[in-house]
Amino acid sequence: MAKPTLRWKCFKRDKSGRLESCVISGEAMKIYGRAGDGWKRAPAWLAKHGYHLLCFRTRKAAREFASSNGSVLRVEVRGPKVLPHMLNILRLYHGEMYESSNTWPQGTEMWREVRVIERSR
């Protein structure tokens, strides 16, 4: 059996304690639930345009990004994707896709599926 690919992902919690995307909300929001809840994919409307789930290659890169945006947990990933141009986050909240002039944070990777494997403390 192939060894799983492990990465790091930044999360925030909703009012019921479920894990969700740490930066994005609105139409592009992804709910991850809790550790062990299974594989998750990006919303279909984003995936069809080549935008999938983001993770970080290293814990250090994830922590630097999450310093003010949430907590960092270990995840298993599968289906690597090429990073497309970054989208404007404020427009994405409303389900609109406009390219941003910003660049992805150091160590960002894109994956077709993500599964939370570490329980938060």
PDB file of N, CA and C in Angstrom:
ATOM      1  N   MET A   1       0.839  -1.178   0.000  1.00  0.00           N
ATOM      2  CA  MET A   1       0.000   0.000   0.000  1.00  0.00           C
ATOM      3  C   MET A   1       0.889   1.248   0.000  1.00  0.00           C
ATOM      4  N   ALA A   2       0.473   2.244  -0.778  1.00  0.00           N
ATOM      5  CA  ALA A   2       1.241   3.485  -0.866  1.00  0.00           C
ATOM      6  C   ALA A   2       1.177   4.262   0.441  1.00  0.00           C
ATOM      7  N   LYS A   3       2.282   4.884   0.767  1.00  0.00           N
ATOM      8  CA  LYS A   3       2.353   5.720   1.964  1.00  0.00           C
ATOM      9  C   LYS A   3       1.499   6.977   1.744  1.00  0.00           C
ATOM     10  N   PRO A   4       0.685   7.367   2.729  1.00  0.00           N
ATOM     11  CA  PRO A   4      -0.164   8.555   2.544  1.00  0.00           C
ATOM     12  C   PRO A   4       0.676   9.830   2.438  1.00  0.00           C
ATOM     13  N   THR A   5       0.155  10.797   1.704  1.00  0.00           N
ATOM     14  CA  THR A   5       0.796  12.104   1.596  1.00  0.00           C
ATOM     15  C   THR A   5       0.199  12.991   2.679  1.00  0.00           C
ATOM     16  N   LEU A   6       1.061  13.509   3.547  1.00  0.00           N
ATOM     17  CA  LEU A   6       0.611  14.336   4.669  1.00  0.00           C
ATOM     18  C   LEU A   6       1.040  15.784   4.471  1.00  0.00           C
ATOM     19  N   ARG A   7       0.152  16.690   4.817  1.00  0.00           N
ATOM     20  CA  ARG A   7       0.424  18.116   4.732  1.00  0.00           C
ATOM     21  C   ARG A   7      -0.175  18.804   5.952  1.00  0.00           C
ATOM     22  N   TRP A   8      -0.200  20.131   5.929  1.00  0.00           N
ATOM     23  CA  TRP A   8      -0.730  20.950   7.021  1.00  0.00           C
ATOM     24  C   TRP A   8      -1.778  21.890   6.464  1.00  0.00           C
ATOM     25  N   LYS A   9      -2.832  22.109   7.226  1.00  0.00           N
ATOM     26  CA  LYS A   9      -3.912  22.992   6.780  1.00  0.00           C
ATOM     27  C   LYS A   9      -4.351  23.899   7.926  1.00  0.00           C
ATOM     28  N   CYS A  10      -4.740  25.115   7.574  1.00  0.00           N
ATOM     29  CA  CYS A  10      -5.219  26.105   8.543  1.00  0.00           C
ATOM     30  C   CYS A  10      -6.743  26.045   8.617  1.00  0.00           C
ATOM     31  N   PHE A  11      -7.259  26.069   9.835  1.00  0.00           N
ATOM     32  CA  PHE A  11      -8.705  25.988  10.054  1.00  0.00           C
ATOM     33  C   PHE A  11      -9.160  27.021  11.074  1.00  0.00           C
ATOM     34  N   LYS A  12     -10.460  27.316  11.028  1.00  0.00           N
ATOM     35  CA  LYS A  12     -11.133  28.020  12.116  1.00  0.00           C
ATOM     36  C   LYS A  12     -12.323  27.150  12.481  1.00  0.00           C
ATOM     37  N   ARG A  13     -12.980  27.449  13.579  1.00  0.00           N
ATOM     38  CA  ARG A  13     -14.133  26.654  14.029  1.00  0.00           C
ATOM     39  C   ARG A  13     -15.410  27.479  13.937  1.00  0.00           C
ATOM     40  N   ASP A  14     -16.494  26.799  13.555  1.00  0.00           N
ATOM     41  CA  ASP A  14     -17.787  27.477  13.575  1.00  0.00           C
ATOM     42  C   ASP A  14     -18.364  27.388  14.990  1.00  0.00           C
ATOM     43  N   LYS A  15     -19.557  27.890  15.206  1.00  0.00           N
ATOM     44  CA  LYS A  15     -20.150  27.925  16.549  1.00  0.00           C
ATOM     45  C   LYS A  15     -20.377  26.546  17.147  1.00  0.00           C
ATOM     46  N   SER A  16     -20.545  25.531  16.298  1.00  0.00           N
ATOM     47  CA  SER A  16     -20.764  24.171  16.806  1.00  0.00           C
ATOM     48  C   SER A  16     -19.465  23.390  16.966  1.00  0.00           C
ATOM     49  N   GLY A  17     -18.328  24.029  16.669  1.00  0.00           N
ATOM     50  CA  GLY A  17     -17.037  23.369  16.836  1.00  0.00           C
ATOM     51  C   GLY A  17     -16.510  22.659  15.606  1.00  0.00           C
ATOM     52  N   ARG A  18     -17.255  22.714  14.492  1.00  0.00           N
ATOM     53  CA  ARG A  18     -16.781  22.078  13.260  1.00  0.00           C
ATOM     54  C   ARG A  18     -15.656  22.900  12.633  1.00  0.00           C
ATOM     55  N   LEU A  19     -14.728  22.191  11.986  1.00  0.00           N
ATOM     56  CA  LEU A  19     -13.638  22.854  11.290  1.00  0.00           C
ATOM     57  C   LEU A  19     -14.125  23.385   9.951  1.00  0.00           C
ATOM     58  N   GLU A  20     -13.659  24.587   9.598  1.00  0.00           N
ATOM     59  CA  GLU A  20     -13.993  25.163   8.305  1.00  0.00           C
ATOM     60  C   GLU A  20     -12.797  25.927   7.764  1.00  0.00           C
ATOM     61  N   SER A  21     -12.885  26.339   6.516  1.00  0.00           N
ATOM     62  CA  SER A  21     -11.800  27.106   5.891  1.00  0.00           C
ATOM     63  C   SER A  21     -11.445  28.296   6.769  1.00  0.00           C
ATOM     64  N   CYS A  22     -10.164  28.569   6.926  1.00  0.00           N
ATOM     65  CA  CYS A  22      -9.768  29.619   7.868  1.00  0.00           C
ATOM     66  C   CYS A  22      -9.850  31.023   7.296  1.00  0.00           C
ATOM     67  N   VAL A  23      -9.836  31.175   6.001  1.00  0.00           N
ATOM     68  CA  VAL A  23      -9.841  32.514   5.425  1.00  0.00           C
ATOM     69  C   VAL A  23     -11.112  32.789   4.645  1.00  0.00           C
ATOM     70  N   ILE A  24     -11.543  31.848   3.864  1.00  0.00           N
ATOM     71  CA  ILE A  24     -12.658  32.075   2.958  1.00  0.00           C
ATOM     72  C   ILE A  24     -13.999  31.825   3.651  1.00  0.00           C
ATOM     73  N   SER A  25     -15.005  32.517   3.224  1.00  0.00           N
ATOM     74  CA  SER A  25     -16.358  32.281   3.736  1.00  0.00           C
ATOM     75  C   SER A  25     -17.335  32.517   2.595  1.00  0.00           C
ATOM     76  N   GLY A  26     -18.592  32.527   2.880  1.00  0.00           N
ATOM     77  CA  GLY A  26     -19.587  32.767   1.845  1.00  0.00           C
ATOM     78  C   GLY A  26     -19.704  31.605   0.874  1.00  0.00           C
ATOM     79  N   GLU A  27     -19.859  31.917  -0.406  1.00  0.00           N
ATOM     80  CA  GLU A  27     -20.103  30.915  -1.451  1.00  0.00           C
ATOM     81  C   GLU A  27     -18.976  29.898  -1.593  1.00  0.00           C
ATOM     82  N   ALA A  28     -17.756  30.283  -1.248  1.00  0.00           N
ATOM     83  CA  ALA A  28     -16.600  29.390  -1.430  1.00  0.00           C
ATOM     84  C   ALA A  28     -16.246  28.608  -0.165  1.00  0.00           C
ATOM     85  N   MET A  29     -16.994  28.803   0.901  1.00  0.00           N
ATOM     86  CA  MET A  29     -16.705  28.151   2.182  1.00  0.00           C
ATOM     87  C   MET A  29     -16.718  26.638   2.063  1.00  0.00           C
ATOM     88  N   LYS A  30     -15.778  25.999   2.755  1.00  0.00           N
ATOM     89  CA  LYS A  30     -15.743  24.540   2.830  1.00  0.00           C
ATOM     90  C   LYS A  30     -15.792  24.143   4.293  1.00  0.00           C
ATOM     91  N   ILE A  31     -16.739  23.261   4.650  1.00  0.00           N
ATOM     92  CA  ILE A  31     -16.838  22.729   6.008  1.00  0.00           C
ATOM     93  C   ILE A  31     -16.118  21.382   6.023  1.00  0.00           C
ATOM     94  N   TYR A  32     -15.180  21.228   6.927  1.00  0.00           N
ATOM     95  CA  TYR A  32     -14.415  19.984   7.026  1.00  0.00           C
ATOM     96  C   TYR A  32     -14.943  19.076   8.127  1.00  0.00           C
ATOM     97  N   GLY A  33     -15.761  19.590   9.001  1.00  0.00           N
ATOM     98  CA  GLY A  33     -16.306  18.787  10.091  1.00  0.00           C
ATOM     99  C   GLY A  33     -15.295  18.576  11.189  1.00  0.00           C
ATOM    100  N   ARG A  34     -14.971  17.310  11.458  1.00  0.00           N
ATOM    101  CA  ARG A  34     -14.015  16.955  12.507  1.00  0.00           C
ATOM    102  C   ARG A  34     -13.054  15.908  11.971  1.00  0.00           C
ATOM    103  N   ALA A  35     -11.963  15.677  12.698  1.00  0.00           N
ATOM    104  CA  ALA A  35     -11.011  14.639  12.295  1.00  0.00           C
ATOM    105  C   ALA A  35     -11.755  13.324  12.125  1.00  0.00           C
ATOM    106  N   GLY A  36     -11.467  12.627  11.037  1.00  0.00           N
ATOM    107  CA  GLY A  36     -12.108  11.343  10.782  1.00  0.00           C
ATOM    108  C   GLY A  36     -13.404  11.429   9.991  1.00  0.00           C
ATOM    109  N   ASP A  37     -13.830  12.636   9.593  1.00  0.00           N
ATOM    110  CA  ASP A  37     -15.085  12.787   8.856  1.00  0.00           C
ATOM    111  C   ASP A  37     -14.989  12.453   7.371  1.00  0.00           C
ATOM    112  N   GLY A  38     -13.852  12.014   6.902  1.00  0.00           N
ATOM    113  CA  GLY A  38     -13.728  11.589   5.509  1.00  0.00           C
ATOM    114  C   GLY A  38     -13.122  12.635   4.594  1.00  0.00           C
ATOM    115  N   TRP A  39     -13.015  12.244   3.327  1.00  0.00           N
ATOM    116  CA  TRP A  39     -12.401  13.096   2.310  1.00  0.00           C
ATOM    117  C   TRP A  39     -13.333  14.240   1.928  1.00  0.00           C
ATOM    118  N   LYS A  40     -12.751  15.421   1.741  1.00  0.00           N
ATOM    119  CA  LYS A  40     -13.505  16.610   1.338  1.00  0.00           C
ATOM    120  C   LYS A  40     -12.935  17.144   0.038  1.00  0.00           C
ATOM    121  N   ARG A  41     -13.807  17.749  -0.768  1.00  0.00           N
ATOM    122  CA  ARG A  41     -13.426  18.373  -2.032  1.00  0.00           C
ATOM    123  C   ARG A  41     -13.906  19.819  -2.054  1.00  0.00           C
ATOM    124  N   ALA A  42     -13.327  20.587  -2.942  1.00  0.00           N
ATOM    125  CA  ALA A  42     -13.751  21.977  -3.117  1.00  0.00           C
ATOM    126  C   ALA A  42     -15.180  22.023  -3.637  1.00  0.00           C
ATOM    127  N   PRO A  43     -15.887  23.131  -3.412  1.00  0.00           N
ATOM    128  CA  PRO A  43     -17.210  23.278  -4.012  1.00  0.00           C
ATOM    129  C   PRO A  43     -17.109  23.050  -5.532  1.00  0.00           C
ATOM    130  N   ALA A  44     -18.094  22.381  -6.105  1.00  0.00           N
ATOM    131  CA  ALA A  44     -18.063  21.987  -7.514  1.00  0.00           C
ATOM    132  C   ALA A  44     -17.836  23.169  -8.462  1.00  0.00           C
ATOM    133  N   TRP A  45     -18.441  24.308  -8.181  1.00  0.00           N
ATOM    134  CA  TRP A  45     -18.294  25.457  -9.076  1.00  0.00           C
ATOM    135  C   TRP A  45     -16.863  25.968  -9.121  1.00  0.00           C
ATOM    136  N   LEU A  46     -16.104  25.802  -8.036  1.00  0.00           N
ATOM    137  CA  LEU A  46     -14.694  26.194  -8.044  1.00  0.00           C
ATOM    138  C   LEU A  46     -13.837  25.126  -8.721  1.00  0.00           C
ATOM    139  N   ALA A  47     -14.098  23.866  -8.408  1.00  0.00           N
ATOM    140  CA  ALA A  47     -13.323  22.756  -8.974  1.00  0.00           C
ATOM    141  C   ALA A  47     -13.396  22.745 -10.498  1.00  0.00           C
ATOM    142  N   LYS A  48     -14.555  23.052 -11.050  1.00  0.00           N
ATOM    143  CA  LYS A  48     -14.681  23.014 -12.506  1.00  0.00           C
ATOM    144  C   LYS A  48     -13.827  24.086 -13.183  1.00  0.00           C
ATOM    145  N   HIS A  49     -13.404  25.090 -12.418  1.00  0.00           N
ATOM    146  CA  HIS A  49     -12.513  26.138 -12.925  1.00  0.00           C
ATOM    147  C   HIS A  49     -11.059  25.915 -12.496  1.00  0.00           C
ATOM    148  N   GLY A  50     -10.772  24.754 -11.916  1.00  0.00           N
ATOM    149  CA  GLY A  50      -9.396  24.424 -11.549  1.00  0.00           C
ATOM    150  C   GLY A  50      -8.968  24.882 -10.168  1.00  0.00           C
ATOM    151  N   TYR A  51      -9.926  25.267  -9.315  1.00  0.00           N
ATOM    152  CA  TYR A  51      -9.596  25.692  -7.956  1.00  0.00           C
ATOM    153  C   TYR A  51     -10.038  24.612  -6.971  1.00  0.00           C
ATOM    154  N   HIS A  52      -9.067  24.064  -6.264  1.00  0.00           N
ATOM    155  CA  HIS A  52      -9.319  22.960  -5.348  1.00  0.00           C
ATOM    156  C   HIS A  52      -8.919  23.389  -3.936  1.00  0.00           C
ATOM    157  N   LEU A  53      -8.620  22.451  -3.062  1.00  0.00           N
ATOM    158  CA  LEU A  53      -8.341  22.762  -1.657  1.00  0.00           C
ATOM    159  C   LEU A  53      -6.864  23.072  -1.441  1.00  0.00           C
ATOM    160  N   LEU A  54      -6.612  24.039  -0.577  1.00  0.00           N
ATOM    161  CA  LEU A  54      -5.245  24.495  -0.320  1.00  0.00           C
ATOM    162  C   LEU A  54      -4.707  23.937   0.988  1.00  0.00           C
ATOM    163  N   CYS A  55      -3.434  23.580   0.967  1.00  0.00           N
ATOM    164  CA  CYS A  55      -2.705  23.105   2.147  1.00  0.00           C
ATOM    165  C   CYS A  55      -1.305  23.674   2.079  1.00  0.00           C
ATOM    166  N   PHE A  56      -0.533  23.406   3.118  1.00  0.00           N
ATOM    167  CA  PHE A  56       0.860  23.831   3.138  1.00  0.00           C
ATOM    168  C   PHE A  56       1.771  22.621   3.230  1.00  0.00           C
ATOM    169  N   ARG A  57       2.913  22.731   2.563  1.00  0.00           N
ATOM    170  CA  ARG A  57       3.890  21.648   2.545  1.00  0.00           C
ATOM    171  C   ARG A  57       4.495  21.430   3.929  1.00  0.00           C
ATOM    172  N   THR A  58       4.727  22.503   4.664  1.00  0.00           N
ATOM    173  CA  THR A  58       5.365  22.380   5.979  1.00  0.00           C
ATOM    174  C   THR A  58       4.504  23.009   7.068  1.00  0.00           C
ATOM    175  N   ARG A  59       4.719  22.545   8.282  1.00  0.00           N
ATOM    176  CA  ARG A  59       4.015  23.109   9.440  1.00  0.00           C
ATOM    177  C   ARG A  59       4.417  24.567   9.639  1.00  0.00           C
ATOM    178  N   LYS A  60       5.699  24.854   9.417  1.00  0.00           N
ATOM    179  CA  LYS A  60       6.201  26.218   9.585  1.00  0.00           C
ATOM    180  C   LYS A  60       5.459  27.178   8.655  1.00  0.00           C
ATOM    181  N   ALA A  61       5.324  26.810   7.376  1.00  0.00           N
ATOM    182  CA  ALA A  61       4.621  27.673   6.416  1.00  0.00           C
ATOM    183  C   ALA A  61       3.163  27.868   6.836  1.00  0.00           C
ATOM    184  N   ALA A  62       2.526  26.792   7.289  1.00  0.00           N
ATOM    185  CA  ALA A  62       1.124  26.882   7.728  1.00  0.00           C
ATOM    186  C   ALA A  62       0.991  27.775   8.952  1.00  0.00           C
ATOM    187  N   ARG A  63       1.898  27.633   9.901  1.00  0.00           N
ATOM    188  CA  ARG A  63       1.840  28.453  11.123  1.00  0.00           C
ATOM    189  C   ARG A  63       2.069  29.926  10.820  1.00  0.00           C
ATOM    190  N   GLU A  64       2.999  30.212   9.906  1.00  0.00           N
ATOM    191  CA  GLU A  64       3.244  31.602   9.528  1.00  0.00           C
ATOM    192  C   GLU A  64       1.985  32.219   8.923  1.00  0.00           C
ATOM    193  N   PHE A  65       1.294  31.452   8.095  1.00  0.00           N
ATOM    194  CA  PHE A  65       0.059  31.931   7.484  1.00  0.00           C
ATOM    195  C   PHE A  65      -1.061  32.056   8.516  1.00  0.00           C
ATOM    196  N   ALA A  66      -1.168  31.076   9.394  1.00  0.00           N
ATOM    197  CA  ALA A  66      -2.277  31.017  10.351  1.00  0.00           C
ATOM    198  C   ALA A  66      -2.069  31.878  11.582  1.00  0.00           C
ATOM    199  N   SER A  67      -0.969  32.590  11.663  1.00  0.00           N
ATOM    200  CA  SER A  67      -0.673  33.341  12.876  1.00  0.00           C
ATOM    201  C   SER A  67      -1.850  34.176  13.350  1.00  0.00           C
ATOM    202  N   SER A  68      -2.626  34.693  12.428  1.00  0.00           N
ATOM    203  CA  SER A  68      -3.801  35.475  12.834  1.00  0.00           C
ATOM    204  C   SER A  68      -5.083  34.926  12.223  1.00  0.00           C
ATOM    205  N   ASN A  69      -4.992  33.789  11.550  1.00  0.00           N
ATOM    206  CA  ASN A  69      -6.147  33.286  10.806  1.00  0.00           C
ATOM    207  C   ASN A  69      -6.727  31.974  11.317  1.00  0.00           C
ATOM    208  N   GLY A  70      -6.203  31.388  12.370  1.00  0.00           N
ATOM    209  CA  GLY A  70      -6.764  30.130  12.844  1.00  0.00           C
ATOM    210  C   GLY A  70      -5.724  29.160  13.353  1.00  0.00           C
ATOM    211  N   SER A  71      -6.106  27.882  13.421  1.00  0.00           N
ATOM    212  CA  SER A  71      -5.196  26.856  13.926  1.00  0.00           C
ATOM    213  C   SER A  71      -4.732  25.956  12.791  1.00  0.00           C
ATOM    214  N   VAL A  72      -3.654  25.204  13.048  1.00  0.00           N
ATOM    215  CA  VAL A  72      -3.034  24.353  12.041  1.00  0.00           C
ATOM    216  C   VAL A  72      -3.160  22.894  12.466  1.00  0.00           C
ATOM    217  N   LEU A  73      -3.654  22.050  11.550  1.00  0.00           N
ATOM    218  CA  LEU A  73      -3.792  20.625  11.822  1.00  0.00           C
ATOM    219  C   LEU A  73      -3.184  19.811  10.685  1.00  0.00           C
ATOM    220  N   ARG A  74      -2.812  18.577  11.004  1.00  0.00           N
ATOM    221  CA  ARG A  74      -2.255  17.639  10.030  1.00  0.00           C
ATOM    222  C   ARG A  74      -3.398  17.058   9.197  1.00  0.00           C
ATOM    223  N   VAL A  75      -3.178  16.983   7.888  1.00  0.00           N
ATOM    224  CA  VAL A  75      -4.169  16.421   6.977  1.00  0.00           C
ATOM    225  C   VAL A  75      -3.507  15.441   6.026  1.00  0.00           C
ATOM    226  N   GLU A  76      -4.314  14.542   5.493  1.00  0.00           N
ATOM    227  CA  GLU A  76      -3.874  13.660   4.420  1.00  0.00           C
ATOM    228  C   GLU A  76      -4.467  14.227   3.132  1.00  0.00           C
ATOM    229  N   VAL A  77      -3.682  14.178   2.052  1.00  0.00           N
ATOM    230  CA  VAL A  77      -4.122  14.759   0.786  1.00  0.00           C
ATOM    231  C   VAL A  77      -3.952  13.749  -0.342  1.00  0.00           C
ATOM    232  N   ARG A  78      -4.738  13.946  -1.402  1.00  0.00           N
ATOM    233  CA  ARG A  78      -4.534  13.152  -2.614  1.00  0.00           C
ATOM    234  C   ARG A  78      -5.019  13.953  -3.819  1.00  0.00           C
ATOM    235  N   GLY A  79      -4.418  13.652  -4.962  1.00  0.00           N
ATOM    236  CA  GLY A  79      -4.770  14.349  -6.196  1.00  0.00           C
ATOM    237  C   GLY A  79      -4.133  15.716  -6.302  1.00  0.00           C
ATOM    238  N   PRO A  80      -2.785  15.790  -6.443  1.00  0.00           N
ATOM    239  CA  PRO A  80      -2.135  17.102  -6.540  1.00  0.00           C
ATOM    240  C   PRO A  80      -2.623  17.880  -7.761  1.00  0.00           C
ATOM    241  N   LYS A  81      -2.726  19.181  -7.589  1.00  0.00           N
ATOM    242  CA  LYS A  81      -3.161  20.079  -8.661  1.00  0.00           C
ATOM    243  C   LYS A  81      -2.145  21.204  -8.812  1.00  0.00           C
ATOM    244  N   VAL A  82      -2.077  21.758 -10.005  1.00  0.00           N
ATOM    245  CA  VAL A  82      -1.205  22.910 -10.257  1.00  0.00           C
ATOM    246  C   VAL A  82      -1.895  24.147  -9.690  1.00  0.00           C
ATOM    247  N   LEU A  83      -1.116  24.992  -9.006  1.00  0.00           N
ATOM    248  CA  LEU A  83      -1.686  26.227  -8.456  1.00  0.00           C
ATOM    249  C   LEU A  83      -2.042  27.191  -9.591  1.00  0.00           C
ATOM    250  N   PRO A  84      -3.297  27.543  -9.729  1.00  0.00           N
ATOM    251  CA  PRO A  84      -3.679  28.548 -10.734  1.00  0.00           C
ATOM    252  C   PRO A  84      -3.409  29.950 -10.169  1.00  0.00           C
ATOM    253  N   HIS A  85      -3.777  30.969 -10.916  1.00  0.00           N
ATOM    254  CA  HIS A  85      -3.650  32.332 -10.397  1.00  0.00           C
ATOM    255  C   HIS A  85      -4.516  32.462  -9.147  1.00  0.00           C
ATOM    256  N   MET A  86      -4.056  33.253  -8.213  1.00  0.00           N
ATOM    257  CA  MET A  86      -4.815  33.499  -6.991  1.00  0.00           C
ATOM    258  C   MET A  86      -6.050  34.335  -7.340  1.00  0.00           C
ATOM    259  N   LEU A  87      -7.153  34.051  -6.645  1.00  0.00           N
ATOM    260  CA  LEU A  87      -8.389  34.806  -6.857  1.00  0.00           C
ATOM    261  C   LEU A  87      -8.551  35.883  -5.792  1.00  0.00           C
ATOM    262  N   ASN A  88      -9.316  36.902  -6.126  1.00  0.00           N
ATOM    263  CA  ASN A  88      -9.630  37.966  -5.187  1.00  0.00           C
ATOM    264  C   ASN A  88     -10.587  37.413  -4.134  1.00  0.00           C
ATOM    265  N   ILE A  89     -10.147  37.359  -2.892  1.00  0.00           N
ATOM    266  CA  ILE A  89     -10.920  36.736  -1.819  1.00  0.00           C
ATOM    267  C   ILE A  89     -12.247  37.458  -1.568  1.00  0.00           C
ATOM    268  N   LEU A  90     -12.258  38.761  -1.588  1.00  0.00           N
ATOM    269  CA  LEU A  90     -13.500  39.490  -1.324  1.00  0.00           C
ATOM    270  C   LEU A  90     -14.565  39.189  -2.371  1.00  0.00           C
ATOM    271  N   ARG A  91     -14.167  39.024  -3.616  1.00  0.00           N
ATOM    272  CA  ARG A  91     -15.121  38.689  -4.678  1.00  0.00           C
ATOM    273  C   ARG A  91     -15.564  37.233  -4.559  1.00  0.00           C
ATOM    274  N   LEU A  92     -14.647  36.372  -4.107  1.00  0.00           N
ATOM    275  CA  LEU A  92     -14.948  34.948  -3.954  1.00  0.00           C
ATOM    276  C   LEU A  92     -16.043  34.726  -2.911  1.00  0.00           C
ATOM    277  N   TYR A  93     -16.080  35.563  -1.868  1.00  0.00           N
ATOM    278  CA  TYR A  93     -17.135  35.472  -0.854  1.00  0.00           C
ATOM    279  C   TYR A  93     -18.520  35.486  -1.481  1.00  0.00           C
ATOM    280  N   HIS A  94     -18.634  36.190  -2.610  1.00  0.00           N
ATOM    281  CA  HIS A  94     -19.929  36.356  -3.283  1.00  0.00           C
ATOM    282  C   HIS A  94     -20.084  35.426  -4.485  1.00  0.00           C
ATOM    283  N   GLY A  95     -19.180  34.456  -4.605  1.00  0.00           N
ATOM    284  CA  GLY A  95     -19.273  33.499  -5.695  1.00  0.00           C
ATOM    285  C   GLY A  95     -18.770  34.023  -7.025  1.00  0.00           C
ATOM    286  N   GLU A  96     -17.966  35.087  -6.984  1.00  0.00           N
ATOM    287  CA  GLU A  96     -17.427  35.683  -8.205  1.00  0.00           C
ATOM    288  C   GLU A  96     -15.945  35.348  -8.333  1.00  0.00           C
ATOM    289  N   MET A  97     -15.506  35.058  -9.554  1.00  0.00           N
ATOM    290  CA  MET A  97     -14.117  34.671  -9.779  1.00  0.00           C
ATOM    291  C   MET A  97     -13.370  35.771 -10.535  1.00  0.00           C
ATOM    292  N   TYR A  98     -12.523  36.504  -9.811  1.00  0.00           N
ATOM    293  CA  TYR A  98     -11.681  37.528 -10.402  1.00  0.00           C
ATOM    294  C   TYR A  98     -10.258  37.294  -9.925  1.00  0.00           C
ATOM    295  N   GLU A  99      -9.308  37.343 -10.864  1.00  0.00           N
ATOM    296  CA  GLU A  99      -7.915  37.128 -10.485  1.00  0.00           C
ATOM    297  C   GLU A  99      -7.421  38.264  -9.603  1.00  0.00           C
ATOM    298  N   SER A 100      -6.515  37.904  -8.710  1.00  0.00           N
ATOM    299  CA  SER A 100      -5.898  38.857  -7.793  1.00  0.00           C
ATOM    300  C   SER A 100      -4.481  39.136  -8.269  1.00  0.00           C
ATOM    301  N   SER A 101      -3.945  40.261  -7.874  1.00  0.00           N
ATOM    302  CA  SER A 101      -2.545  40.559  -8.180  1.00  0.00           C
ATOM    303  C   SER A 101      -1.626  39.983  -7.103  1.00  0.00           C
ATOM    304  N   ASN A 102      -2.211  39.420  -6.042  1.00  0.00           N
ATOM    305  CA  ASN A 102      -1.425  38.808  -4.968  1.00  0.00           C
ATOM    306  C   ASN A 102      -0.859  37.466  -5.414  1.00  0.00           C
ATOM    307  N   THR A 103       0.088  36.952  -4.647  1.00  0.00           N
ATOM    308  CA  THR A 103       0.655  35.633  -4.921  1.00  0.00           C
ATOM    309  C   THR A 103       0.351  34.710  -3.749  1.00  0.00           C
ATOM    310  N   TRP A 104       0.382  33.403  -3.999  1.00  0.00           N
ATOM    311  CA  TRP A 104       0.123  32.417  -2.952  1.00  0.00           C
ATOM    312  C   TRP A 104       1.197  32.504  -1.878  1.00  0.00           C
ATOM    313  N   PRO A 105       0.835  32.305  -0.623  1.00  0.00           N
ATOM    314  CA  PRO A 105       1.847  32.280   0.447  1.00  0.00           C
ATOM    315  C   PRO A 105       2.876  31.166   0.196  1.00  0.00           C
ATOM    316  N   GLN A 106       4.090  31.377   0.662  1.00  0.00           N
ATOM    317  CA  GLN A 106       5.164  30.399   0.519  1.00  0.00           C
ATOM    318  C   GLN A 106       4.717  29.034   1.039  1.00  0.00           C
ATOM    319  N   GLY A 107       4.950  27.984   0.254  1.00  0.00           N
ATOM    320  CA  GLY A 107       4.634  26.620   0.678  1.00  0.00           C
ATOM    321  C   GLY A 107       3.213  26.169   0.393  1.00  0.00           C
ATOM    322  N   THR A 108       2.396  27.018  -0.267  1.00  0.00           N
ATOM    323  CA  THR A 108       1.018  26.650  -0.592  1.00  0.00           C
ATOM    324  C   THR A 108       0.996  25.584  -1.677  1.00  0.00           C
ATOM    325  N   GLU A 109       0.115  24.601  -1.500  1.00  0.00           N
ATOM    326  CA  GLU A 109      -0.117  23.563  -2.499  1.00  0.00           C
ATOM    327  C   GLU A 109      -1.621  23.382  -2.673  1.00  0.00           C
ATOM    328  N   MET A 110      -2.019  22.870  -3.833  1.00  0.00           N
ATOM    329  CA  MET A 110      -3.434  22.628  -4.102  1.00  0.00           C
ATOM    330  C   MET A 110      -3.651  21.132  -4.325  1.00  0.00           C
ATOM    331  N   TRP A 111      -4.739  20.609  -3.720  1.00  0.00           N
ATOM    332  CA  TRP A 111      -5.053  19.181  -3.783  1.00  0.00           C
ATOM    333  C   TRP A 111      -6.523  18.971  -4.085  1.00  0.00           C
ATOM    334  N   ARG A 112      -6.840  17.886  -4.794  1.00  0.00           N
ATOM    335  CA  ARG A 112      -8.219  17.546  -5.136  1.00  0.00           C
ATOM    336  C   ARG A 112      -9.016  17.175  -3.898  1.00  0.00           C
ATOM    337  N   GLU A 113      -8.388  16.406  -2.954  1.00  0.00           N
ATOM    338  CA  GLU A 113      -9.098  15.954  -1.759  1.00  0.00           C
ATOM    339  C   GLU A 113      -8.226  16.115  -0.515  1.00  0.00           C
ATOM    340  N   VAL A 114      -8.896  16.430   0.591  1.00  0.00           N
ATOM    341  CA  VAL A 114      -8.227  16.619   1.887  1.00  0.00           C
ATOM    342  C   VAL A 114      -9.039  15.891   2.949  1.00  0.00           C
ATOM    343  N   ARG A 115      -8.316  15.236   3.856  1.00  0.00           N
ATOM    344  CA  ARG A 115      -8.960  14.549   4.988  1.00  0.00           C
ATOM    345  C   ARG A 115      -8.220  14.948   6.260  1.00  0.00           C
ATOM    346  N   VAL A 116      -8.951  15.472   7.230  1.00  0.00           N
ATOM    347  CA  VAL A 116      -8.354  15.883   8.509  1.00  0.00           C
ATOM    348  C   VAL A 116      -8.046  14.608   9.310  1.00  0.00           C
ATOM    349  N   ILE A 117      -6.793  14.477   9.764  1.00  0.00           N
ATOM    350  CA  ILE A 117      -6.410  13.276  10.521  1.00  0.00           C
ATOM    351  C   ILE A 117      -5.981  13.587  11.939  1.00  0.00           C
ATOM    352  N   GLU A 118      -5.700  14.845  12.230  1.00  0.00           N
ATOM    353  CA  GLU A 118      -5.254  15.231  13.580  1.00  0.00           C
ATOM    354  C   GLU A 118      -6.411  15.884  14.325  1.00  0.00           C
ATOM    355  N   ARG A 119      -6.614  15.475  15.530  1.00  0.00           N
ATOM    356  CA  ARG A 119      -7.648  16.111  16.366  1.00  0.00           C
ATOM    357  C   ARG A 119      -7.050  17.355  17.011  1.00  0.00           C
ATOM    358  N   SER A 120      -7.826  18.428  17.015  1.00  0.00           N
ATOM    359  CA  SER A 120      -7.330  19.658  17.632  1.00  0.00           C
ATOM    360  C   SER A 120      -7.347  19.512  19.138  1.00  0.00           C
ATOM    361  N   ARG A 121      -6.515  20.300  19.761  1.00  0.00           N
ATOM    362  CA  ARG A 121      -6.382  20.237  21.217  1.00  0.00           C
ATOM    363  C   ARG A 121      -7.268  21.246  21.888  1.00  0.00           C
TER     364      ARG A 121
END
